[in-house]
Amino acid sequence: MGGLFVRLQYLLPHHLLCRIVYALTRARSVWLKNLLIDAFMRGYRPHMADALEPEPRYYPSFNAFFTRALRPQARPIDPDPLRVVSPCDGTLSVAGALAGGKLLQAKGRYFSLASLLGDDAGWVKVLQGGAYATLYLAPFNYHRVHMPLAGRLIGAWHIPGRLFSVNSATVDRVPDLFARNERVVCAFAGDHAPFVVVLVGALFVGSMSTVWHGEITPWRGARTLARGVHQLQPTGVADLRQPRGAELGRFNMGSTVLLLLPPGLVRWDQGLAPGVAVAVGEGLGSLSVPVRS
C-alpha cells in the first residue's frame, strides 16, 4: 500500500488540495469546525493537557485548534546555554554530519545541501561538512517551531516546490524529497556561530508562517508554482533576535524541520537515534565552543 500511495502522489494536484484544506481548516462555521476537530480527536488522540486551552471545541476554527499554544512551562528549555535544543515536538529521523554537501534522507538515499537551500552558495559554503538534524512532526504533535539556539535572523527565503507527504513511506521512496518540497529557510547569526532552520512543507500543509514574516504560504506574491527563490523581508513586530526556546514559526498539518550548523560546532548526544521522540526545549547536543558573555 505504501508504494501505491507514493505513486499516486505524483499525480495529485498538491497545491490545489492544500488550498482546499487551507479553506476548510479556517472555516468558522461551528458545525464544520467541530466536525473536523472531533474527527481529528478520534483519529489521532492528540495530548491536550499541555494546551493553553485544553477543550478542543473551544477553538474558533480547526486551524486555531491545530496550531494551539501550550500553557506556560509545558516545555521547559534545557537550562544549559551550551545545549542545542529541539525546535519542535516530533520524531528524530537523522542527527549526524553532512557527507560533504550531502544529507541522509533515508537508508541509501541522499540529497544535496545546495538544492535544499535553493542554491544559496554563501550558506552552502558555511554549512558544508557541518551537522544537521531532521525532525518529523506527525499530525498529533504540537505544531509550533521554536529557536534551537539564541540568534538574530539575518536572512529568510521561500523556495517553491511540490508538496509530497513526509511520512516514512514517502521519504523512503521519493528521491530528494526535502529538496523538492516547498520550504522556508531561516538563517541566523548565533552567539557563537551561524545556523539555519528549514521548515519543509508537505501534503495538506496549507500554511507555513514565521513570527517575522507572518503567513508565507500559500505564496501571495506570485503563482504558487513560480520558479525561483523568494527573498522574505520582516513585516511583523517580532525582534530579529530571539532567545533559545522562543517561537519561530508554525505549520498547518504535519511536516518536517531541518536544523543545520557549521562544522565543528556541535556534538549530538549519543542517545539520539532514528525514531526517538523529542520535545521543544529538550537538549539534542552540546556546543563545543563557549557562549559569549
C-alpha atoms as a PDB file:
ATOM      1  CA  MET A   1       0.000   0.000   0.000  1.00  0.00           C
ATOM      2  CA  GLY A   2       2.853   2.392   0.774  1.00  0.00           C
ATOM      3  CA  GLY A   3       4.224   2.157  -2.754  1.00  0.00           C
ATOM      4  CA  LEU A   4       0.779   2.740  -4.286  1.00  0.00           C
ATOM      5  CA  PHE A   5       0.241   5.822  -2.119  1.00  0.00           C
ATOM      6  CA  VAL A   6       3.608   7.242  -3.188  1.00  0.00           C
ATOM      7  CA  ARG A   7       2.905   6.663  -6.887  1.00  0.00           C
ATOM      8  CA  LEU A   8      -0.490   8.302  -6.518  1.00  0.00           C
ATOM      9  CA  GLN A   9       1.135  11.423  -5.059  1.00  0.00           C
ATOM     10  CA  TYR A  10       2.992  12.087  -8.307  1.00  0.00           C
ATOM     11  CA  LEU A  11      -0.411  12.531  -9.980  1.00  0.00           C
ATOM     12  CA  LEU A  12      -2.148  14.603  -7.303  1.00  0.00           C
ATOM     13  CA  PRO A  13      -2.623  18.390  -7.687  1.00  0.00           C
ATOM     14  CA  HIS A  14      -0.691  19.120  -4.480  1.00  0.00           C
ATOM     15  CA  HIS A  15      -1.270  22.862  -4.256  1.00  0.00           C
ATOM     16  CA  LEU A  16      -4.944  22.697  -5.182  1.00  0.00           C
ATOM     17  CA  LEU A  17      -5.535  20.132  -2.438  1.00  0.00           C
ATOM     18  CA  CYS A  18      -3.641  22.282   0.036  1.00  0.00           C
ATOM     19  CA  ARG A  19      -5.723  25.343  -0.830  1.00  0.00           C
ATOM     20  CA  ILE A  20      -8.899  23.339  -0.233  1.00  0.00           C
ATOM     21  CA  VAL A  21      -7.550  22.169   3.124  1.00  0.00           C
ATOM     22  CA  TYR A  22      -6.490  25.752   3.876  1.00  0.00           C
ATOM     23  CA  ALA A  23     -10.060  26.986   3.392  1.00  0.00           C
ATOM     24  CA  LEU A  24     -11.666  24.147   5.353  1.00  0.00           C
ATOM     25  CA  THR A  25      -9.340  24.425   8.330  1.00  0.00           C
ATOM     26  CA  ARG A  26     -10.038  28.149   8.686  1.00  0.00           C
ATOM     27  CA  ALA A  27     -13.813  27.858   8.413  1.00  0.00           C
ATOM     28  CA  ARG A  28     -15.557  29.317  11.459  1.00  0.00           C
ATOM     29  CA  SER A  29     -18.885  27.631  10.920  1.00  0.00           C
ATOM     30  CA  VAL A  30     -19.444  25.949  14.286  1.00  0.00           C
ATOM     31  CA  TRP A  31     -20.793  22.681  12.917  1.00  0.00           C
ATOM     32  CA  LEU A  32     -17.992  22.333  10.345  1.00  0.00           C
ATOM     33  CA  LYS A  33     -15.060  23.196  12.594  1.00  0.00           C
ATOM     34  CA  ASN A  34     -16.451  20.926  15.339  1.00  0.00           C
ATOM     35  CA  LEU A  35     -16.897  18.108  12.817  1.00  0.00           C
ATOM     36  CA  LEU A  36     -13.253  18.454  11.753  1.00  0.00           C
ATOM     37  CA  ILE A  37     -11.952  18.744  15.308  1.00  0.00           C
ATOM     38  CA  ASP A  38     -13.978  15.776  16.557  1.00  0.00           C
ATOM     39  CA  ALA A  39     -12.797  13.605  13.661  1.00  0.00           C
ATOM     40  CA  PHE A  40      -9.187  14.580  14.326  1.00  0.00           C
ATOM     41  CA  MET A  41      -9.507  13.843  18.040  1.00  0.00           C
ATOM     42  CA  ARG A  42     -10.894  10.369  17.272  1.00  0.00           C
ATOM     43  CA  GLY A  43      -8.264   9.601  14.644  1.00  0.00           C
ATOM     44  CA  TYR A  44      -5.111  10.964  16.289  1.00  0.00           C
ATOM     45  CA  ARG A  45      -5.879  11.472  20.007  1.00  0.00           C
ATOM     46  CA  PRO A  46      -3.527  14.463  20.498  1.00  0.00           C
ATOM     47  CA  HIS A  47      -2.380  15.195  24.035  1.00  0.00           C
ATOM     48  CA  MET A  48      -4.402  18.261  25.099  1.00  0.00           C
ATOM     49  CA  ALA A  49      -3.377  18.533  28.754  1.00  0.00           C
ATOM     50  CA  ASP A  50      -0.412  20.749  27.828  1.00  0.00           C
ATOM     51  CA  ALA A  51      -2.501  23.120  25.700  1.00  0.00           C
ATOM     52  CA  LEU A  52      -3.282  26.623  26.916  1.00  0.00           C
ATOM     53  CA  GLU A  53      -6.916  25.807  26.057  1.00  0.00           C
ATOM     54  CA  PRO A  54      -7.387  22.058  26.648  1.00  0.00           C
ATOM     55  CA  GLU A  55     -11.001  21.909  25.396  1.00  0.00           C
ATOM     56  CA  PRO A  56     -10.844  21.195  21.628  1.00  0.00           C
ATOM     57  CA  ARG A  57     -14.262  22.613  20.752  1.00  0.00           C
ATOM     58  CA  TYR A  58     -13.497  25.993  22.320  1.00  0.00           C
ATOM     59  CA  TYR A  59     -11.205  26.898  19.417  1.00  0.00           C
ATOM     60  CA  PRO A  60     -12.804  29.158  16.755  1.00  0.00           C
ATOM     61  CA  SER A  61     -11.510  27.077  13.821  1.00  0.00           C
ATOM     62  CA  PHE A  62      -9.740  23.791  13.146  1.00  0.00           C
ATOM     63  CA  ASN A  63      -6.541  25.684  12.332  1.00  0.00           C
ATOM     64  CA  ALA A  64      -6.659  27.525  15.679  1.00  0.00           C
ATOM     65  CA  PHE A  65      -7.026  24.144  17.384  1.00  0.00           C
ATOM     66  CA  PHE A  66      -4.252  22.564  15.313  1.00  0.00           C
ATOM     67  CA  THR A  67      -1.737  25.385  15.926  1.00  0.00           C
ATOM     68  CA  ARG A  68      -2.755  25.754  19.578  1.00  0.00           C
ATOM     69  CA  ALA A  69      -0.426  27.370  22.080  1.00  0.00           C
ATOM     70  CA  LEU A  70       0.933  25.482  25.075  1.00  0.00           C
ATOM     71  CA  ARG A  71       0.478  26.501  28.683  1.00  0.00           C
ATOM     72  CA  PRO A  72       3.469  28.257  30.291  1.00  0.00           C
ATOM     73  CA  GLN A  73       6.284  25.876  31.294  1.00  0.00           C
ATOM     74  CA  ALA A  74       4.721  22.963  29.402  1.00  0.00           C
ATOM     75  CA  ARG A  75       8.023  22.666  27.505  1.00  0.00           C
ATOM     76  CA  PRO A  76      10.879  23.670  29.839  1.00  0.00           C
ATOM     77  CA  ILE A  77      14.018  24.726  27.997  1.00  0.00           C
ATOM     78  CA  ASP A  78      17.271  22.951  28.891  1.00  0.00           C
ATOM     79  CA  PRO A  79      18.957  25.457  31.244  1.00  0.00           C
ATOM     80  CA  ASP A  80      22.482  24.791  29.956  1.00  0.00           C
ATOM     81  CA  PRO A  81      23.309  27.579  27.429  1.00  0.00           C
ATOM     82  CA  LEU A  82      25.706  25.210  25.642  1.00  0.00           C
ATOM     83  CA  ARG A  83      22.892  22.837  24.736  1.00  0.00           C
ATOM     84  CA  VAL A  84      21.266  22.839  21.296  1.00  0.00           C
ATOM     85  CA  VAL A  85      17.581  22.224  21.954  1.00  0.00           C
ATOM     86  CA  SER A  86      14.892  20.654  19.817  1.00  0.00           C
ATOM     87  CA  PRO A  87      12.986  23.245  17.781  1.00  0.00           C
ATOM     88  CA  CYS A  88       9.800  21.162  17.766  1.00  0.00           C
ATOM     89  CA  ASP A  89       7.897  18.226  19.154  1.00  0.00           C
ATOM     90  CA  GLY A  90       8.235  15.214  16.896  1.00  0.00           C
ATOM     91  CA  THR A  91      10.343  12.222  15.977  1.00  0.00           C
ATOM     92  CA  LEU A  92      14.020  12.319  15.118  1.00  0.00           C
ATOM     93  CA  SER A  93      14.778  10.995  11.649  1.00  0.00           C
ATOM     94  CA  VAL A  94      18.515  11.767  11.446  1.00  0.00           C
ATOM     95  CA  ALA A  95      21.123  13.502  13.592  1.00  0.00           C
ATOM     96  CA  GLY A  96      24.572  13.403  12.072  1.00  0.00           C
ATOM     97  CA  ALA A  97      27.190  15.123   9.961  1.00  0.00           C
ATOM     98  CA  LEU A  98      26.944  16.160   6.338  1.00  0.00           C
ATOM     99  CA  ALA A  99      28.938  13.965   3.983  1.00  0.00           C
ATOM    100  CA  GLY A 100      30.489  16.963   2.298  1.00  0.00           C
ATOM    101  CA  GLY A 101      27.424  18.569   0.761  1.00  0.00           C
ATOM    102  CA  LYS A 102      25.058  15.601   1.168  1.00  0.00           C
ATOM    103  CA  LEU A 103      22.375  14.876   3.772  1.00  0.00           C
ATOM    104  CA  LEU A 104      20.876  11.484   4.503  1.00  0.00           C
ATOM    105  CA  GLN A 105      17.160  11.318   3.695  1.00  0.00           C
ATOM    106  CA  ALA A 106      16.542   7.607   4.243  1.00  0.00           C
ATOM    107  CA  LYS A 107      18.566   4.421   4.024  1.00  0.00           C
ATOM    108  CA  GLY A 108      20.526   4.606   0.782  1.00  0.00           C
ATOM    109  CA  ARG A 109      19.063   7.972  -0.219  1.00  0.00           C
ATOM    110  CA  TYR A 110      20.876  11.310  -0.015  1.00  0.00           C
ATOM    111  CA  PHE A 111      20.056  14.817  -1.188  1.00  0.00           C
ATOM    112  CA  SER A 112      22.230  17.879  -1.634  1.00  0.00           C
ATOM    113  CA  LEU A 113      22.636  20.801   0.735  1.00  0.00           C
ATOM    114  CA  ALA A 114      22.715  23.173  -2.240  1.00  0.00           C
ATOM    115  CA  SER A 115      19.326  22.027  -3.520  1.00  0.00           C
ATOM    116  CA  LEU A 116      17.810  22.173  -0.030  1.00  0.00           C
ATOM    117  CA  LEU A 117      18.906  25.801   0.364  1.00  0.00           C
ATOM    118  CA  GLY A 118      17.875  26.898  -3.103  1.00  0.00           C
ATOM    119  CA  ASP A 119      21.478  27.023  -4.359  1.00  0.00           C
ATOM    120  CA  ASP A 120      22.492  29.775  -1.948  1.00  0.00           C
ATOM    121  CA  ALA A 121      26.267  29.472  -2.425  1.00  0.00           C
ATOM    122  CA  GLY A 122      27.157  31.534   0.640  1.00  0.00           C
ATOM    123  CA  TRP A 123      25.238  29.381   3.079  1.00  0.00           C
ATOM    124  CA  VAL A 124      26.294  26.162   1.364  1.00  0.00           C
ATOM    125  CA  LYS A 125      29.904  27.169   1.993  1.00  0.00           C
ATOM    126  CA  VAL A 126      29.183  27.957   5.652  1.00  0.00           C
ATOM    127  CA  LEU A 127      27.362  24.686   6.342  1.00  0.00           C
ATOM    128  CA  GLN A 128      29.191  22.174   4.140  1.00  0.00           C
ATOM    129  CA  GLY A 129      30.624  19.353   6.238  1.00  0.00           C
ATOM    130  CA  GLY A 130      28.633  20.532   9.256  1.00  0.00           C
ATOM    131  CA  ALA A 131      25.997  18.889  11.431  1.00  0.00           C
ATOM    132  CA  TYR A 132      22.281  18.519  10.869  1.00  0.00           C
ATOM    133  CA  ALA A 133      19.170  17.062  12.445  1.00  0.00           C
ATOM    134  CA  THR A 134      15.918  16.145  10.706  1.00  0.00           C
ATOM    135  CA  LEU A 135      12.735  16.069  12.791  1.00  0.00           C
ATOM    136  CA  TYR A 136       9.328  14.857  11.658  1.00  0.00           C
ATOM    137  CA  LEU A 137       6.117  16.315  13.079  1.00  0.00           C
ATOM    138  CA  ALA A 138       3.183  13.912  12.996  1.00  0.00           C
ATOM    139  CA  PRO A 139      -0.358  15.314  12.822  1.00  0.00           C
ATOM    140  CA  PHE A 140      -0.906  14.744  16.559  1.00  0.00           C
ATOM    141  CA  ASN A 141       2.205  16.739  17.557  1.00  0.00           C
ATOM    142  CA  TYR A 142       2.308  20.342  18.769  1.00  0.00           C
ATOM    143  CA  HIS A 143       2.913  22.347  15.581  1.00  0.00           C
ATOM    144  CA  ARG A 144       4.803  25.459  16.558  1.00  0.00           C
ATOM    145  CA  VAL A 145       8.533  25.680  15.848  1.00  0.00           C
ATOM    146  CA  HIS A 146      10.976  27.260  18.296  1.00  0.00           C
ATOM    147  CA  MET A 147      14.538  28.584  18.357  1.00  0.00           C
ATOM    148  CA  PRO A 148      17.137  25.813  18.884  1.00  0.00           C
ATOM    149  CA  LEU A 149      19.721  28.428  19.887  1.00  0.00           C
ATOM    150  CA  ALA A 150      19.664  32.130  20.614  1.00  0.00           C
ATOM    151  CA  GLY A 151      20.213  34.087  17.427  1.00  0.00           C
ATOM    152  CA  ARG A 152      19.398  37.048  15.221  1.00  0.00           C
ATOM    153  CA  LEU A 153      17.554  36.499  11.954  1.00  0.00           C
ATOM    154  CA  ILE A 154      19.825  37.658   9.125  1.00  0.00           C
ATOM    155  CA  GLY A 155      18.067  36.099   6.123  1.00  0.00           C
ATOM    156  CA  ALA A 156      14.971  34.181   5.089  1.00  0.00           C
ATOM    157  CA  TRP A 157      13.676  32.870   1.794  1.00  0.00           C
ATOM    158  CA  HIS A 158      10.816  30.818   0.396  1.00  0.00           C
ATOM    159  CA  ILE A 159      11.511  28.113  -2.191  1.00  0.00           C
ATOM    160  CA  PRO A 160       8.514  26.878  -4.238  1.00  0.00           C
ATOM    161  CA  GLY A 161       8.140  23.175  -4.851  1.00  0.00           C
ATOM    162  CA  ARG A 162       5.918  20.115  -4.658  1.00  0.00           C
ATOM    163  CA  LEU A 163       4.083  19.014  -1.530  1.00  0.00           C
ATOM    164  CA  PHE A 164       4.713  15.287  -1.177  1.00  0.00           C
ATOM    165  CA  SER A 165       3.812  13.685   2.116  1.00  0.00           C
ATOM    166  CA  VAL A 166       6.732  13.451   4.532  1.00  0.00           C
ATOM    167  CA  ASN A 167       5.662  10.195   6.162  1.00  0.00           C
ATOM    168  CA  SER A 168       8.198   7.383   6.284  1.00  0.00           C
ATOM    169  CA  ALA A 169       6.823   5.519   3.260  1.00  0.00           C
ATOM    170  CA  THR A 170       7.183   8.585   1.048  1.00  0.00           C
ATOM    171  CA  VAL A 171      10.559   9.638   2.464  1.00  0.00           C
ATOM    172  CA  ASP A 172      11.864   6.144   1.711  1.00  0.00           C
ATOM    173  CA  ARG A 173      10.717   6.225  -1.924  1.00  0.00           C
ATOM    174  CA  VAL A 174      10.736   9.786  -3.337  1.00  0.00           C
ATOM    175  CA  PRO A 175      14.247  10.961  -4.327  1.00  0.00           C
ATOM    176  CA  ASP A 176      15.372  14.349  -2.974  1.00  0.00           C
ATOM    177  CA  LEU A 177      12.029  14.804  -1.219  1.00  0.00           C
ATOM    178  CA  PHE A 178      13.075  17.560   1.200  1.00  0.00           C
ATOM    179  CA  ALA A 179      14.758  19.469  -1.634  1.00  0.00           C
ATOM    180  CA  ARG A 180      11.699  19.049  -3.887  1.00  0.00           C
ATOM    181  CA  ASN A 181       9.008  20.138  -1.448  1.00  0.00           C
ATOM    182  CA  GLU A 182       8.102  23.758  -0.843  1.00  0.00           C
ATOM    183  CA  ARG A 183      10.101  25.161   2.063  1.00  0.00           C
ATOM    184  CA  VAL A 184      11.028  28.231   4.094  1.00  0.00           C
ATOM    185  CA  VAL A 185      14.658  28.776   5.096  1.00  0.00           C
ATOM    186  CA  CYS A 186      15.547  30.958   8.099  1.00  0.00           C
ATOM    187  CA  ALA A 187      19.223  31.845   8.623  1.00  0.00           C
ATOM    188  CA  PHE A 188      20.580  33.158  11.909  1.00  0.00           C
ATOM    189  CA  ALA A 189      23.668  34.740  13.399  1.00  0.00           C
ATOM    190  CA  GLY A 190      24.086  32.929  16.721  1.00  0.00           C
ATOM    191  CA  ASP A 191      26.094  33.971  19.750  1.00  0.00           C
ATOM    192  CA  HIS A 192      28.916  31.664  18.639  1.00  0.00           C
ATOM    193  CA  ALA A 193      28.248  30.657  15.009  1.00  0.00           C
ATOM    194  CA  PRO A 194      25.560  30.891  12.341  1.00  0.00           C
ATOM    195  CA  PHE A 195      22.840  28.269  11.955  1.00  0.00           C
ATOM    196  CA  VAL A 196      19.859  27.575   9.704  1.00  0.00           C
ATOM    197  CA  VAL A 197      16.349  26.225  10.333  1.00  0.00           C
ATOM    198  CA  VAL A 198      14.386  24.883   7.351  1.00  0.00           C
ATOM    199  CA  LEU A 199      10.604  24.405   7.503  1.00  0.00           C
ATOM    200  CA  VAL A 200       9.563  21.851   4.874  1.00  0.00           C
ATOM    201  CA  GLY A 201       6.001  21.828   3.583  1.00  0.00           C
ATOM    202  CA  ALA A 202       4.072  18.632   2.913  1.00  0.00           C
ATOM    203  CA  LEU A 203       0.828  17.234   1.549  1.00  0.00           C
ATOM    204  CA  PHE A 204      -2.095  19.154   3.099  1.00  0.00           C
ATOM    205  CA  VAL A 205       0.275  21.630   4.777  1.00  0.00           C
ATOM    206  CA  GLY A 206      -1.739  24.626   3.627  1.00  0.00           C
ATOM    207  CA  SER A 207       0.249  27.208   5.536  1.00  0.00           C
ATOM    208  CA  MET A 208       3.690  27.958   6.945  1.00  0.00           C
ATOM    209  CA  SER A 209       4.425  31.166   8.821  1.00  0.00           C
ATOM    210  CA  THR A 210       7.122  32.807  10.939  1.00  0.00           C
ATOM    211  CA  VAL A 211       6.922  35.393  13.686  1.00  0.00           C
ATOM    212  CA  TRP A 212       8.828  37.847  11.462  1.00  0.00           C
ATOM    213  CA  HIS A 213       7.020  37.409   8.150  1.00  0.00           C
ATOM    214  CA  GLY A 214       3.541  36.254   9.065  1.00  0.00           C
ATOM    215  CA  GLU A 215       1.938  33.768   6.711  1.00  0.00           C
ATOM    216  CA  ILE A 216       4.318  32.873   3.881  1.00  0.00           C
ATOM    217  CA  THR A 217       2.463  30.045   2.175  1.00  0.00           C
ATOM    218  CA  PRO A 218       0.229  29.839   0.265  1.00  0.00           C
ATOM    219  CA  TRP A 219       2.587  32.198  -1.602  1.00  0.00           C
ATOM    220  CA  ARG A 220       0.859  35.542  -2.248  1.00  0.00           C
ATOM    221  CA  GLY A 221       3.478  37.368  -4.295  1.00  0.00           C
ATOM    222  CA  ALA A 222       3.197  35.197  -7.413  1.00  0.00           C
ATOM    223  CA  ARG A 223       1.764  31.934  -8.649  1.00  0.00           C
ATOM    224  CA  THR A 224       2.279  29.156  -6.118  1.00  0.00           C
ATOM    225  CA  LEU A 225       4.434  27.197  -8.552  1.00  0.00           C
ATOM    226  CA  ALA A 226       6.509  30.238  -9.597  1.00  0.00           C
ATOM    227  CA  ARG A 227      10.124  29.280 -10.082  1.00  0.00           C
ATOM    228  CA  GLY A 228      12.972  30.899  -8.219  1.00  0.00           C
ATOM    229  CA  VAL A 229      13.711  31.843  -4.636  1.00  0.00           C
ATOM    230  CA  HIS A 230      11.527  34.462  -2.961  1.00  0.00           C
ATOM    231  CA  GLN A 231      13.526  36.589  -0.527  1.00  0.00           C
ATOM    232  CA  LEU A 232      11.493  37.444   2.576  1.00  0.00           C
ATOM    233  CA  GLN A 233      11.512  40.742   4.427  1.00  0.00           C
ATOM    234  CA  PRO A 234      10.385  41.027   8.066  1.00  0.00           C
ATOM    235  CA  THR A 235       6.950  42.610   8.311  1.00  0.00           C
ATOM    236  CA  GLY A 236       5.945  41.853  11.891  1.00  0.00           C
ATOM    237  CA  VAL A 237       6.863  43.368  15.225  1.00  0.00           C
ATOM    238  CA  ALA A 238       8.961  40.445  16.482  1.00  0.00           C
ATOM    239  CA  ASP A 239      12.533  41.288  17.402  1.00  0.00           C
ATOM    240  CA  LEU A 240      15.035  39.898  14.903  1.00  0.00           C
ATOM    241  CA  ARG A 241      16.980  38.476  17.846  1.00  0.00           C
ATOM    242  CA  GLN A 242      15.228  35.720  19.783  1.00  0.00           C
ATOM    243  CA  PRO A 243      16.372  33.573  22.735  1.00  0.00           C
ATOM    244  CA  ARG A 244      16.543  29.798  22.795  1.00  0.00           C
ATOM    245  CA  GLY A 245      13.066  28.339  23.017  1.00  0.00           C
ATOM    246  CA  ALA A 246      11.226  31.382  21.636  1.00  0.00           C
ATOM    247  CA  GLU A 247       8.603  30.713  18.970  1.00  0.00           C
ATOM    248  CA  LEU A 248       9.991  30.907  15.440  1.00  0.00           C
ATOM    249  CA  GLY A 249       7.018  29.841  13.303  1.00  0.00           C
ATOM    250  CA  ARG A 250       4.334  27.244  12.801  1.00  0.00           C
ATOM    251  CA  PHE A 251       2.894  24.625  10.437  1.00  0.00           C
ATOM    252  CA  ASN A 252      -0.630  23.699   9.438  1.00  0.00           C
ATOM    253  CA  MET A 253      -0.770  19.870   9.447  1.00  0.00           C
ATOM    254  CA  GLY A 254       2.277  17.579   9.793  1.00  0.00           C
ATOM    255  CA  SER A 255       5.670  18.296   8.288  1.00  0.00           C
ATOM    256  CA  THR A 256       9.448  18.365   8.848  1.00  0.00           C
ATOM    257  CA  VAL A 257      12.066  20.699  10.341  1.00  0.00           C
ATOM    258  CA  LEU A 258      15.770  20.553   9.493  1.00  0.00           C
ATOM    259  CA  LEU A 259      18.390  22.195  11.705  1.00  0.00           C
ATOM    260  CA  LEU A 260      21.837  22.829  10.158  1.00  0.00           C
ATOM    261  CA  LEU A 261      25.032  24.032  11.843  1.00  0.00           C
ATOM    262  CA  PRO A 262      28.607  24.696  10.631  1.00  0.00           C
ATOM    263  CA  PRO A 263      31.332  22.049  11.068  1.00  0.00           C
ATOM    264  CA  GLY A 264      32.929  21.633  14.477  1.00  0.00           C
ATOM    265  CA  LEU A 265      30.169  23.381  16.394  1.00  0.00           C
ATOM    266  CA  VAL A 266      28.014  20.647  17.940  1.00  0.00           C
ATOM    267  CA  ARG A 267      28.312  17.101  19.295  1.00  0.00           C
ATOM    268  CA  TRP A 268      24.992  15.288  19.085  1.00  0.00           C
ATOM    269  CA  ASP A 269      24.002  13.227  22.134  1.00  0.00           C
ATOM    270  CA  GLN A 270      24.818   9.524  21.846  1.00  0.00           C
ATOM    271  CA  GLY A 271      21.232   8.546  22.604  1.00  0.00           C
ATOM    272  CA  LEU A 272      19.883  10.290  19.512  1.00  0.00           C
ATOM    273  CA  ALA A 273      18.725   7.556  17.157  1.00  0.00           C
ATOM    274  CA  PRO A 274      16.143   7.399  14.379  1.00  0.00           C
ATOM    275  CA  GLY A 275      12.668   7.067  15.860  1.00  0.00           C
ATOM    276  CA  VAL A 276      13.436   8.803  19.168  1.00  0.00           C
ATOM    277  CA  ALA A 277      10.653  11.155  20.308  1.00  0.00           C
ATOM    278  CA  VAL A 278      11.775  14.707  21.047  1.00  0.00           C
ATOM    279  CA  ALA A 279      10.088  17.762  22.548  1.00  0.00           C
ATOM    280  CA  VAL A 280      10.585  21.503  22.269  1.00  0.00           C
ATOM    281  CA  GLY A 281      13.412  22.630  24.550  1.00  0.00           C
ATOM    282  CA  GLU A 282      14.879  19.154  25.053  1.00  0.00           C
ATOM    283  CA  GLY A 283      18.636  19.007  24.570  1.00  0.00           C
ATOM    284  CA  LEU A 284      19.837  17.342  21.366  1.00  0.00           C
ATOM    285  CA  GLY A 285      23.545  18.046  21.597  1.00  0.00           C
ATOM    286  CA  SER A 286      26.230  20.230  23.121  1.00  0.00           C
ATOM    287  CA  LEU A 287      28.147  23.117  21.623  1.00  0.00           C
ATOM    288  CA  SER A 288      31.913  22.726  21.501  1.00  0.00           C
ATOM    289  CA  VAL A 289      32.578  26.462  21.851  1.00  0.00           C
ATOM    290  CA  PRO A 290      31.892  28.741  24.836  1.00  0.00           C
ATOM    291  CA  VAL A 291      28.935  31.088  24.747  1.00  0.00           C
ATOM    292  CA  ARG A 292      29.877  34.756  24.795  1.00  0.00           C
ATOM    293  CA  SER A 293      29.021  36.527  27.987  1.00  0.00           C
END
